[in-house]
Amino acid sequence: FVEDGVPANGDDAETIDVSFSGYKGTTF
């Protein structure tokens, strides 16, 4: 673990939607 875990070469990710199924999704 590090204080600033931001990926060094990462792209912006303001909203992340994960689709588990047609019934269930989780948003970050």
mmCIF file of all heavy atoms, coordinates in Angstrom:
data_MODEL
# 
_entry.id   MODEL 
# 
loop_
_atom_site.group_PDB 
_atom_site.id 
_atom_site.type_symbol 
_atom_site.label_atom_id 
_atom_site.label_alt_id 
_atom_site.label_comp_id 
_atom_site.label_asym_id 
_atom_site.label_entity_id 
_atom_site.label_seq_id 
_atom_site.pdbx_PDB_ins_code 
_atom_site.Cartn_x 
_atom_site.Cartn_y 
_atom_site.Cartn_z 
_atom_site.occupancy 
_atom_site.B_iso_or_equiv 
_atom_site.pdbx_formal_charge 
_atom_site.auth_seq_id 
_atom_site.auth_comp_id 
_atom_site.auth_asym_id 
_atom_site.auth_atom_id 
_atom_site.pdbx_PDB_model_num 
ATOM 1   N N   . PHE A 1 1  ? 0.835   -1.194  0.000   1.00 0.00 ? 1  PHE A N   1 
ATOM 2   C CA  . PHE A 1 1  ? 0.000   0.000   0.000   1.00 0.00 ? 1  PHE A CA  1 
ATOM 3   C C   . PHE A 1 1  ? 0.875   1.251   0.000   1.00 0.00 ? 1  PHE A C   1 
ATOM 4   O O   . PHE A 1 1  ? 1.899   1.312   0.690   1.00 0.00 ? 1  PHE A O   1 
ATOM 5   C CB  . PHE A 1 1  ? -0.909  0.009   1.232   1.00 0.00 ? 1  PHE A CB  1 
ATOM 6   C CG  . PHE A 1 1  ? -1.926  -1.098  1.231   1.00 0.00 ? 1  PHE A CG  1 
ATOM 7   C CD1 . PHE A 1 1  ? -1.617  -2.342  1.776   1.00 0.00 ? 1  PHE A CD1 1 
ATOM 8   C CD2 . PHE A 1 1  ? -3.183  -0.906  0.693   1.00 0.00 ? 1  PHE A CD2 1 
ATOM 9   C CE1 . PHE A 1 1  ? -2.545  -3.366  1.785   1.00 0.00 ? 1  PHE A CE1 1 
ATOM 10  C CE2 . PHE A 1 1  ? -4.121  -1.933  0.689   1.00 0.00 ? 1  PHE A CE2 1 
ATOM 11  C CZ  . PHE A 1 1  ? -3.808  -3.162  1.231   1.00 0.00 ? 1  PHE A CZ  1 
ATOM 12  N N   . VAL A 1 2  ? 0.461   2.239   -0.769  1.00 0.00 ? 2  VAL A N   1 
ATOM 13  C CA  . VAL A 1 2  ? 1.161   3.522   -0.829  1.00 0.00 ? 2  VAL A CA  1 
ATOM 14  C C   . VAL A 1 2  ? 0.135   4.631   -0.634  1.00 0.00 ? 2  VAL A C   1 
ATOM 15  O O   . VAL A 1 2  ? -1.050  4.468   -0.915  1.00 0.00 ? 2  VAL A O   1 
ATOM 16  C CB  . VAL A 1 2  ? 1.896   3.708   -2.173  1.00 0.00 ? 2  VAL A CB  1 
ATOM 17  C CG1 . VAL A 1 2  ? 3.032   2.704   -2.304  1.00 0.00 ? 2  VAL A CG1 1 
ATOM 18  C CG2 . VAL A 1 2  ? 0.941   3.567   -3.358  1.00 0.00 ? 2  VAL A CG2 1 
ATOM 19  N N   . GLU A 1 3  ? 0.597   5.785   -0.141  1.00 0.00 ? 3  GLU A N   1 
ATOM 20  C CA  . GLU A 1 3  ? -0.314  6.893   0.123   1.00 0.00 ? 3  GLU A CA  1 
ATOM 21  C C   . GLU A 1 3  ? -1.012  7.364   -1.142  1.00 0.00 ? 3  GLU A C   1 
ATOM 22  O O   . GLU A 1 3  ? -2.183  7.711   -1.134  1.00 0.00 ? 3  GLU A O   1 
ATOM 23  C CB  . GLU A 1 3  ? 0.449   8.055   0.767   1.00 0.00 ? 3  GLU A CB  1 
ATOM 24  C CG  . GLU A 1 3  ? 0.850   7.807   2.216   1.00 0.00 ? 3  GLU A CG  1 
ATOM 25  C CD  . GLU A 1 3  ? -0.356  7.673   3.143   1.00 0.00 ? 3  GLU A CD  1 
ATOM 26  O OE1 . GLU A 1 3  ? -1.435  8.193   2.808   1.00 0.00 ? 3  GLU A OE1 1 
ATOM 27  O OE2 . GLU A 1 3  ? -0.206  7.044   4.202   1.00 0.00 ? 3  GLU A OE2 1 
ATOM 28  N N   . ASP A 1 4  ? -0.278  7.403   -2.246  1.00 0.00 ? 4  ASP A N   1 
ATOM 29  C CA  . ASP A 1 4  ? -0.863  7.811   -3.519  1.00 0.00 ? 4  ASP A CA  1 
ATOM 30  C C   . ASP A 1 4  ? -0.823  6.623   -4.462  1.00 0.00 ? 4  ASP A C   1 
ATOM 31  O O   . ASP A 1 4  ? 0.173   6.362   -5.118  1.00 0.00 ? 4  ASP A O   1 
ATOM 32  C CB  . ASP A 1 4  ? -0.079  8.986   -4.107  1.00 0.00 ? 4  ASP A CB  1 
ATOM 33  C CG  . ASP A 1 4  ? -0.703  9.502   -5.396  1.00 0.00 ? 4  ASP A CG  1 
ATOM 34  O OD1 . ASP A 1 4  ? -1.779  8.989   -5.774  1.00 0.00 ? 4  ASP A OD1 1 
ATOM 35  O OD2 . ASP A 1 4  ? -0.129  10.405  -6.024  1.00 0.00 ? 4  ASP A OD2 1 
ATOM 36  N N   . GLY A 1 5  ? -1.933  5.890   -4.527  1.00 0.00 ? 5  GLY A N   1 
ATOM 37  C CA  . GLY A 1 5  ? -1.951  4.679   -5.337  1.00 0.00 ? 5  GLY A CA  1 
ATOM 38  C C   . GLY A 1 5  ? -2.390  4.901   -6.769  1.00 0.00 ? 5  GLY A C   1 
ATOM 39  O O   . GLY A 1 5  ? -2.693  3.938   -7.475  1.00 0.00 ? 5  GLY A O   1 
ATOM 40  N N   . VAL A 1 6  ? -2.453  6.152   -7.209  1.00 0.00 ? 6  VAL A N   1 
ATOM 41  C CA  . VAL A 1 6  ? -2.918  6.435   -8.561  1.00 0.00 ? 6  VAL A CA  1 
ATOM 42  C C   . VAL A 1 6  ? -1.995  5.762   -9.574  1.00 0.00 ? 6  VAL A C   1 
ATOM 43  O O   . VAL A 1 6  ? -0.776  5.837   -9.465  1.00 0.00 ? 6  VAL A O   1 
ATOM 44  C CB  . VAL A 1 6  ? -2.983  7.957   -8.818  1.00 0.00 ? 6  VAL A CB  1 
ATOM 45  C CG1 . VAL A 1 6  ? -1.625  8.612   -8.671  1.00 0.00 ? 6  VAL A CG1 1 
ATOM 46  C CG2 . VAL A 1 6  ? -3.575  8.245   -10.185 1.00 0.00 ? 6  VAL A CG2 1 
ATOM 47  N N   . PRO A 1 7  ? -2.554  5.040   -10.553 1.00 0.00 ? 7  PRO A N   1 
ATOM 48  C CA  . PRO A 1 7  ? -1.716  4.402   -11.576 1.00 0.00 ? 7  PRO A CA  1 
ATOM 49  C C   . PRO A 1 7  ? -0.867  5.436   -12.312 1.00 0.00 ? 7  PRO A C   1 
ATOM 50  O O   . PRO A 1 7  ? -1.383  6.469   -12.765 1.00 0.00 ? 7  PRO A O   1 
ATOM 51  C CB  . PRO A 1 7  ? -2.742  3.757   -12.516 1.00 0.00 ? 7  PRO A CB  1 
ATOM 52  C CG  . PRO A 1 7  ? -3.969  3.572   -11.681 1.00 0.00 ? 7  PRO A CG  1 
ATOM 53  C CD  . PRO A 1 7  ? -3.986  4.733   -10.731 1.00 0.00 ? 7  PRO A CD  1 
ATOM 54  N N   . ALA A 1 8  ? 0.426   5.173   -12.439 1.00 0.00 ? 8  ALA A N   1 
ATOM 55  C CA  . ALA A 1 8  ? 1.352   6.147   -13.020 1.00 0.00 ? 8  ALA A CA  1 
ATOM 56  C C   . ALA A 1 8  ? 0.962   6.523   -14.447 1.00 0.00 ? 8  ALA A C   1 
ATOM 57  O O   . ALA A 1 8  ? 1.061   7.682   -14.850 1.00 0.00 ? 8  ALA A O   1 
ATOM 58  C CB  . ALA A 1 8  ? 2.773   5.588   -12.988 1.00 0.00 ? 8  ALA A CB  1 
ATOM 59  N N   . ASN A 1 9  ? 0.539   5.547   -15.218 1.00 0.00 ? 9  ASN A N   1 
ATOM 60  C CA  . ASN A 1 9  ? 0.168   5.798   -16.613 1.00 0.00 ? 9  ASN A CA  1 
ATOM 61  C C   . ASN A 1 9  ? -1.331  5.617   -16.827 1.00 0.00 ? 9  ASN A C   1 
ATOM 62  O O   . ASN A 1 9  ? -1.773  5.231   -17.915 1.00 0.00 ? 9  ASN A O   1 
ATOM 63  C CB  . ASN A 1 9  ? 0.956   4.866   -17.536 1.00 0.00 ? 9  ASN A CB  1 
ATOM 64  C CG  . ASN A 1 9  ? 2.454   5.074   -17.415 1.00 0.00 ? 9  ASN A CG  1 
ATOM 65  O OD1 . ASN A 1 9  ? 2.935   6.203   -17.457 1.00 0.00 ? 9  ASN A OD1 1 
ATOM 66  N ND2 . ASN A 1 9  ? 3.195   3.986   -17.253 1.00 0.00 ? 9  ASN A ND2 1 
ATOM 67  N N   . GLY A 1 10 ? -2.106  5.883   -15.785 1.00 0.00 ? 10 GLY A N   1 
ATOM 68  C CA  . GLY A 1 10 ? -3.535  5.629   -15.854 1.00 0.00 ? 10 GLY A CA  1 
ATOM 69  C C   . GLY A 1 10 ? -4.316  6.682   -16.621 1.00 0.00 ? 10 GLY A C   1 
ATOM 70  O O   . GLY A 1 10 ? -3.867  7.819   -16.804 1.00 0.00 ? 10 GLY A O   1 
ATOM 71  N N   . ASP A 1 11 ? -5.484  6.295   -17.063 1.00 0.00 ? 11 ASP A N   1 
ATOM 72  C CA  . ASP A 1 11 ? -6.425  7.191   -17.716 1.00 0.00 ? 11 ASP A CA  1 
ATOM 73  C C   . ASP A 1 11 ? -7.522  7.582   -16.726 1.00 0.00 ? 11 ASP A C   1 
ATOM 74  O O   . ASP A 1 11 ? -7.744  6.908   -15.725 1.00 0.00 ? 11 ASP A O   1 
ATOM 75  C CB  . ASP A 1 11 ? -7.046  6.513   -18.940 1.00 0.00 ? 11 ASP A CB  1 
ATOM 76  C CG  . ASP A 1 11 ? -6.009  6.204   -20.018 1.00 0.00 ? 11 ASP A CG  1 
ATOM 77  O OD1 . ASP A 1 11 ? -5.160  7.081   -20.279 1.00 0.00 ? 11 ASP A OD1 1 
ATOM 78  O OD2 . ASP A 1 11 ? -6.036  5.084   -20.559 1.00 0.00 ? 11 ASP A OD2 1 
ATOM 79  N N   . ASP A 1 12 ? -8.227  8.670   -17.045 1.00 0.00 ? 12 ASP A N   1 
ATOM 80  C CA  . ASP A 1 12 ? -9.274  9.156   -16.150 1.00 0.00 ? 12 ASP A CA  1 
ATOM 81  C C   . ASP A 1 12 ? -10.361 8.107   -15.938 1.00 0.00 ? 12 ASP A C   1 
ATOM 82  O O   . ASP A 1 12 ? -10.752 7.396   -16.871 1.00 0.00 ? 12 ASP A O   1 
ATOM 83  C CB  . ASP A 1 12 ? -9.902  10.423  -16.719 1.00 0.00 ? 12 ASP A CB  1 
ATOM 84  C CG  . ASP A 1 12 ? -8.956  11.618  -16.662 1.00 0.00 ? 12 ASP A CG  1 
ATOM 85  O OD1 . ASP A 1 12 ? -7.994  11.560  -15.874 1.00 0.00 ? 12 ASP A OD1 1 
ATOM 86  O OD2 . ASP A 1 12 ? -9.191  12.588  -17.402 1.00 0.00 ? 12 ASP A OD2 1 
ATOM 87  N N   . ALA A 1 13 ? -10.829 8.020   -14.708 1.00 0.00 ? 13 ALA A N   1 
ATOM 88  C CA  . ALA A 1 13 ? -11.923 7.105   -14.366 1.00 0.00 ? 13 ALA A CA  1 
ATOM 89  C C   . ALA A 1 13 ? -12.791 7.774   -13.313 1.00 0.00 ? 13 ALA A C   1 
ATOM 90  O O   . ALA A 1 13 ? -12.693 7.475   -12.126 1.00 0.00 ? 13 ALA A O   1 
ATOM 91  C CB  . ALA A 1 13 ? -11.375 5.776   -13.871 1.00 0.00 ? 13 ALA A CB  1 
ATOM 92  N N   . GLU A 1 14 ? -13.636 8.701   -13.759 1.00 0.00 ? 14 GLU A N   1 
ATOM 93  C CA  . GLU A 1 14 ? -14.531 9.385   -12.835 1.00 0.00 ? 14 GLU A CA  1 
ATOM 94  C C   . GLU A 1 14 ? -15.694 8.471   -12.427 1.00 0.00 ? 14 GLU A C   1 
ATOM 95  O O   . GLU A 1 14 ? -16.119 8.486   -11.284 1.00 0.00 ? 14 GLU A O   1 
ATOM 96  C CB  . GLU A 1 14 ? -15.068 10.663  -13.482 1.00 0.00 ? 14 GLU A CB  1 
ATOM 97  C CG  . GLU A 1 14 ? -13.992 11.690  -13.814 1.00 0.00 ? 14 GLU A CG  1 
ATOM 98  C CD  . GLU A 1 14 ? -13.305 12.246  -12.586 1.00 0.00 ? 14 GLU A CD  1 
ATOM 99  O OE1 . GLU A 1 14 ? -14.013 12.480  -11.584 1.00 0.00 ? 14 GLU A OE1 1 
ATOM 100 O OE2 . GLU A 1 14 ? -12.075 12.421  -12.610 1.00 0.00 ? 14 GLU A OE2 1 
ATOM 101 N N   . THR A 1 15 ? -16.190 7.695   -13.397 1.00 0.00 ? 15 THR A N   1 
ATOM 102 C CA  . THR A 1 15 ? -17.298 6.773   -13.132 1.00 0.00 ? 15 THR A CA  1 
ATOM 103 C C   . THR A 1 15 ? -16.993 5.418   -13.746 1.00 0.00 ? 15 THR A C   1 
ATOM 104 O O   . THR A 1 15 ? -16.614 5.328   -14.918 1.00 0.00 ? 15 THR A O   1 
ATOM 105 C CB  . THR A 1 15 ? -18.623 7.306   -13.721 1.00 0.00 ? 15 THR A CB  1 
ATOM 106 O OG1 . THR A 1 15 ? -18.893 8.590   -13.165 1.00 0.00 ? 15 THR A OG1 1 
ATOM 107 C CG2 . THR A 1 15 ? -19.766 6.360   -13.388 1.00 0.00 ? 15 THR A CG2 1 
ATOM 108 N N   . ILE A 1 16 ? -17.134 4.368   -12.940 1.00 0.00 ? 16 ILE A N   1 
ATOM 109 C CA  . ILE A 1 16 ? -16.888 2.996   -13.404 1.00 0.00 ? 16 ILE A CA  1 
ATOM 110 C C   . ILE A 1 16 ? -18.157 2.193   -13.189 1.00 0.00 ? 16 ILE A C   1 
ATOM 111 O O   . ILE A 1 16 ? -18.684 2.139   -12.066 1.00 0.00 ? 16 ILE A O   1 
ATOM 112 C CB  . ILE A 1 16 ? -15.730 2.350   -12.633 1.00 0.00 ? 16 ILE A CB  1 
ATOM 113 C CG1 . ILE A 1 16 ? -14.458 3.198   -12.744 1.00 0.00 ? 16 ILE A CG1 1 
ATOM 114 C CG2 . ILE A 1 16 ? -15.466 0.930   -13.134 1.00 0.00 ? 16 ILE A CG2 1 
ATOM 115 C CD1 . ILE A 1 16 ? -13.343 2.772   -11.803 1.00 0.00 ? 16 ILE A CD1 1 
ATOM 116 N N   . ASP A 1 17 ? -18.666 1.591   -14.247 1.00 0.00 ? 17 ASP A N   1 
ATOM 117 C CA  . ASP A 1 17 ? -19.857 0.747   -14.155 1.00 0.00 ? 17 ASP A CA  1 
ATOM 118 C C   . ASP A 1 17 ? -19.463 -0.695  -14.457 1.00 0.00 ? 17 ASP A C   1 
ATOM 119 O O   . ASP A 1 17 ? -18.898 -0.981  -15.511 1.00 0.00 ? 17 ASP A O   1 
ATOM 120 C CB  . ASP A 1 17 ? -20.922 1.198   -15.155 1.00 0.00 ? 17 ASP A CB  1 
ATOM 121 C CG  . ASP A 1 17 ? -21.502 2.560   -14.794 1.00 0.00 ? 17 ASP A CG  1 
ATOM 122 O OD1 . ASP A 1 17 ? -22.112 2.669   -13.721 1.00 0.00 ? 17 ASP A OD1 1 
ATOM 123 O OD2 . ASP A 1 17 ? -21.324 3.512   -15.586 1.00 0.00 ? 17 ASP A OD2 1 
ATOM 124 N N   . VAL A 1 18 ? -19.778 -1.583  -13.528 1.00 0.00 ? 18 VAL A N   1 
ATOM 125 C CA  . VAL A 1 18 ? -19.466 -3.006  -13.682 1.00 0.00 ? 18 VAL A CA  1 
ATOM 126 C C   . VAL A 1 18 ? -20.773 -3.773  -13.811 1.00 0.00 ? 18 VAL A C   1 
ATOM 127 O O   . VAL A 1 18 ? -21.615 -3.743  -12.899 1.00 0.00 ? 18 VAL A O   1 
ATOM 128 C CB  . VAL A 1 18 ? -18.660 -3.530  -12.480 1.00 0.00 ? 18 VAL A CB  1 
ATOM 129 C CG1 . VAL A 1 18 ? -18.347 -5.022  -12.658 1.00 0.00 ? 18 VAL A CG1 1 
ATOM 130 C CG2 . VAL A 1 18 ? -17.359 -2.730  -12.322 1.00 0.00 ? 18 VAL A CG2 1 
ATOM 131 N N   . SER A 1 19 ? -20.944 -4.464  -14.926 1.00 0.00 ? 19 SER A N   1 
ATOM 132 C CA  . SER A 1 19 ? -22.160 -5.236  -15.168 1.00 0.00 ? 19 SER A CA  1 
ATOM 133 C C   . SER A 1 19 ? -21.915 -6.696  -14.795 1.00 0.00 ? 19 SER A C   1 
ATOM 134 O O   . SER A 1 19 ? -21.136 -7.391  -15.444 1.00 0.00 ? 19 SER A O   1 
ATOM 135 C CB  . SER A 1 19 ? -22.556 -5.130  -16.644 1.00 0.00 ? 19 SER A CB  1 
ATOM 136 O OG  . SER A 1 19 ? -23.626 -6.007  -16.934 1.00 0.00 ? 19 SER A OG  1 
ATOM 137 N N   . PHE A 1 20 ? -22.578 -7.162  -13.737 1.00 0.00 ? 20 PHE A N   1 
ATOM 138 C CA  . PHE A 1 20 ? -22.468 -8.558  -13.335 1.00 0.00 ? 20 PHE A CA  1 
ATOM 139 C C   . PHE A 1 20 ? -23.453 -9.436  -14.093 1.00 0.00 ? 20 PHE A C   1 
ATOM 140 O O   . PHE A 1 20 ? -23.185 -10.601 -14.361 1.00 0.00 ? 20 PHE A O   1 
ATOM 141 C CB  . PHE A 1 20 ? -22.718 -8.697  -11.832 1.00 0.00 ? 20 PHE A CB  1 
ATOM 142 C CG  . PHE A 1 20 ? -21.617 -8.153  -10.975 1.00 0.00 ? 20 PHE A CG  1 
ATOM 143 C CD1 . PHE A 1 20 ? -21.670 -6.845  -10.512 1.00 0.00 ? 20 PHE A CD1 1 
ATOM 144 C CD2 . PHE A 1 20 ? -20.524 -8.936  -10.627 1.00 0.00 ? 20 PHE A CD2 1 
ATOM 145 C CE1 . PHE A 1 20 ? -20.651 -6.336  -9.716  1.00 0.00 ? 20 PHE A CE1 1 
ATOM 146 C CE2 . PHE A 1 20 ? -19.502 -8.440  -9.836  1.00 0.00 ? 20 PHE A CE2 1 
ATOM 147 C CZ  . PHE A 1 20 ? -19.565 -7.129  -9.384  1.00 0.00 ? 20 PHE A CZ  1 
ATOM 148 N N   . SER A 1 21 ? -24.611 -8.857  -14.408 1.00 0.00 ? 21 SER A N   1 
ATOM 149 C CA  . SER A 1 21 ? -25.673 -9.594  -15.102 1.00 0.00 ? 21 SER A CA  1 
ATOM 150 C C   . SER A 1 21 ? -26.692 -8.574  -15.577 1.00 0.00 ? 21 SER A C   1 
ATOM 151 O O   . SER A 1 21 ? -26.553 -7.359  -15.336 1.00 0.00 ? 21 SER A O   1 
ATOM 152 C CB  . SER A 1 21 ? -26.330 -10.605 -14.164 1.00 0.00 ? 21 SER A CB  1 
ATOM 153 O OG  . SER A 1 21 ? -27.049 -9.929  -13.142 1.00 0.00 ? 21 SER A OG  1 
ATOM 154 N N   . GLY A 1 22 ? -27.742 -9.073  -16.212 1.00 0.00 ? 22 GLY A N   1 
ATOM 155 C CA  . GLY A 1 22 ? -28.818 -8.168  -16.595 1.00 0.00 ? 22 GLY A CA  1 
ATOM 156 C C   . GLY A 1 22 ? -29.550 -7.611  -15.395 1.00 0.00 ? 22 GLY A C   1 
ATOM 157 O O   . GLY A 1 22 ? -30.199 -6.565  -15.471 1.00 0.00 ? 22 GLY A O   1 
ATOM 158 N N   . TYR A 1 23 ? -29.449 -8.294  -14.249 1.00 0.00 ? 23 TYR A N   1 
ATOM 159 C CA  . TYR A 1 23 ? -30.130 -7.865  -13.030 1.00 0.00 ? 23 TYR A CA  1 
ATOM 160 C C   . TYR A 1 23 ? -29.274 -6.925  -12.192 1.00 0.00 ? 23 TYR A C   1 
ATOM 161 O O   . TYR A 1 23 ? -29.787 -5.994  -11.558 1.00 0.00 ? 23 TYR A O   1 
ATOM 162 C CB  . TYR A 1 23 ? -30.505 -9.097  -12.199 1.00 0.00 ? 23 TYR A CB  1 
ATOM 163 C CG  . TYR A 1 23 ? -30.970 -8.798  -10.792 1.00 0.00 ? 23 TYR A CG  1 
ATOM 164 C CD1 . TYR A 1 23 ? -32.274 -8.344  -10.552 1.00 0.00 ? 23 TYR A CD1 1 
ATOM 165 C CD2 . TYR A 1 23 ? -30.120 -8.958  -9.697  1.00 0.00 ? 23 TYR A CD2 1 
ATOM 166 C CE1 . TYR A 1 23 ? -32.707 -8.065  -9.266  1.00 0.00 ? 23 TYR A CE1 1 
ATOM 167 C CE2 . TYR A 1 23 ? -30.542 -8.688  -8.410  1.00 0.00 ? 23 TYR A CE2 1 
ATOM 168 C CZ  . TYR A 1 23 ? -31.839 -8.248  -8.197  1.00 0.00 ? 23 TYR A CZ  1 
ATOM 169 O OH  . TYR A 1 23 ? -32.267 -7.964  -6.918  1.00 0.00 ? 23 TYR A OH  1 
ATOM 170 N N   . LYS A 1 24 ? -27.964 -7.146  -12.165 1.00 0.00 ? 24 LYS A N   1 
ATOM 171 C CA  . LYS A 1 24 ? -27.118 -6.479  -11.173 1.00 0.00 ? 24 LYS A CA  1 
ATOM 172 C C   . LYS A 1 24 ? -25.915 -5.785  -11.799 1.00 0.00 ? 24 LYS A C   1 
ATOM 173 O O   . LYS A 1 24 ? -25.174 -6.362  -12.587 1.00 0.00 ? 24 LYS A O   1 
ATOM 174 C CB  . LYS A 1 24 ? -26.610 -7.508  -10.147 1.00 0.00 ? 24 LYS A CB  1 
ATOM 175 C CG  . LYS A 1 24 ? -25.704 -6.921  -9.058  1.00 0.00 ? 24 LYS A CG  1 
ATOM 176 C CD  . LYS A 1 24 ? -26.422 -5.868  -8.222  1.00 0.00 ? 24 LYS A CD  1 
ATOM 177 C CE  . LYS A 1 24 ? -25.604 -5.406  -7.030  1.00 0.00 ? 24 LYS A CE  1 
ATOM 178 N NZ  . LYS A 1 24 ? -24.422 -4.629  -7.395  1.00 0.00 ? 24 LYS A NZ  1 
ATOM 179 N N   . GLY A 1 25 ? -25.742 -4.527  -11.411 1.00 0.00 ? 25 GLY A N   1 
ATOM 180 C CA  . GLY A 1 25 ? -24.554 -3.768  -11.756 1.00 0.00 ? 25 GLY A CA  1 
ATOM 181 C C   . GLY A 1 25 ? -24.111 -2.958  -10.548 1.00 0.00 ? 25 GLY A C   1 
ATOM 182 O O   . GLY A 1 25 ? -24.911 -2.672  -9.651  1.00 0.00 ? 25 GLY A O   1 
ATOM 183 N N   . THR A 1 26 ? -22.833 -2.597  -10.505 1.00 0.00 ? 26 THR A N   1 
ATOM 184 C CA  . THR A 1 26 ? -22.294 -1.782  -9.412  1.00 0.00 ? 26 THR A CA  1 
ATOM 185 C C   . THR A 1 26 ? -21.557 -0.594  -10.015 1.00 0.00 ? 26 THR A C   1 
ATOM 186 O O   . THR A 1 26 ? -20.819 -0.752  -10.992 1.00 0.00 ? 26 THR A O   1 
ATOM 187 C CB  . THR A 1 26 ? -21.342 -2.592  -8.522  1.00 0.00 ? 26 THR A CB  1 
ATOM 188 O OG1 . THR A 1 26 ? -22.062 -3.711  -7.984  1.00 0.00 ? 26 THR A OG1 1 
ATOM 189 C CG2 . THR A 1 26 ? -20.808 -1.759  -7.370  1.00 0.00 ? 26 THR A CG2 1 
ATOM 190 N N   . THR A 1 27 ? -21.760 0.585   -9.443  1.00 0.00 ? 27 THR A N   1 
ATOM 191 C CA  . THR A 1 27 ? -21.167 1.813   -9.966  1.00 0.00 ? 27 THR A CA  1 
ATOM 192 C C   . THR A 1 27 ? -20.252 2.438   -8.918  1.00 0.00 ? 27 THR A C   1 
ATOM 193 O O   . THR A 1 27 ? -20.590 2.492   -7.724  1.00 0.00 ? 27 THR A O   1 
ATOM 194 C CB  . THR A 1 27 ? -22.264 2.822   -10.349 1.00 0.00 ? 27 THR A CB  1 
ATOM 195 O OG1 . THR A 1 27 ? -23.087 2.256   -11.373 1.00 0.00 ? 27 THR A OG1 1 
ATOM 196 C CG2 . THR A 1 27 ? -21.652 4.123   -10.862 1.00 0.00 ? 27 THR A CG2 1 
ATOM 197 N N   . PHE A 1 28 ? -19.104 2.911   -9.394  1.00 0.00 ? 28 PHE A N   1 
ATOM 198 C CA  . PHE A 1 28 ? -18.130 3.589   -8.537  1.00 0.00 ? 28 PHE A CA  1 
ATOM 199 C C   . PHE A 1 28 ? -17.941 5.004   -9.078  1.00 0.00 ? 28 PHE A C   1 
ATOM 200 O O   . PHE A 1 28 ? -17.551 5.189   -10.236 1.00 0.00 ? 28 PHE A O   1 
ATOM 201 C CB  . PHE A 1 28 ? -16.797 2.835   -8.531  1.00 0.00 ? 28 PHE A CB  1 
ATOM 202 C CG  . PHE A 1 28 ? -16.928 1.395   -8.116  1.00 0.00 ? 28 PHE A CG  1 
ATOM 203 C CD1 . PHE A 1 28 ? -17.168 0.406   -9.061  1.00 0.00 ? 28 PHE A CD1 1 
ATOM 204 C CD2 . PHE A 1 28 ? -16.817 1.032   -6.789  1.00 0.00 ? 28 PHE A CD2 1 
ATOM 205 C CE1 . PHE A 1 28 ? -17.296 -0.922  -8.690  1.00 0.00 ? 28 PHE A CE1 1 
ATOM 206 C CE2 . PHE A 1 28 ? -16.945 -0.294  -6.401  1.00 0.00 ? 28 PHE A CE2 1 
ATOM 207 C CZ  . PHE A 1 28 ? -17.189 -1.270  -7.358  1.00 0.00 ? 28 PHE A CZ  1 
# 
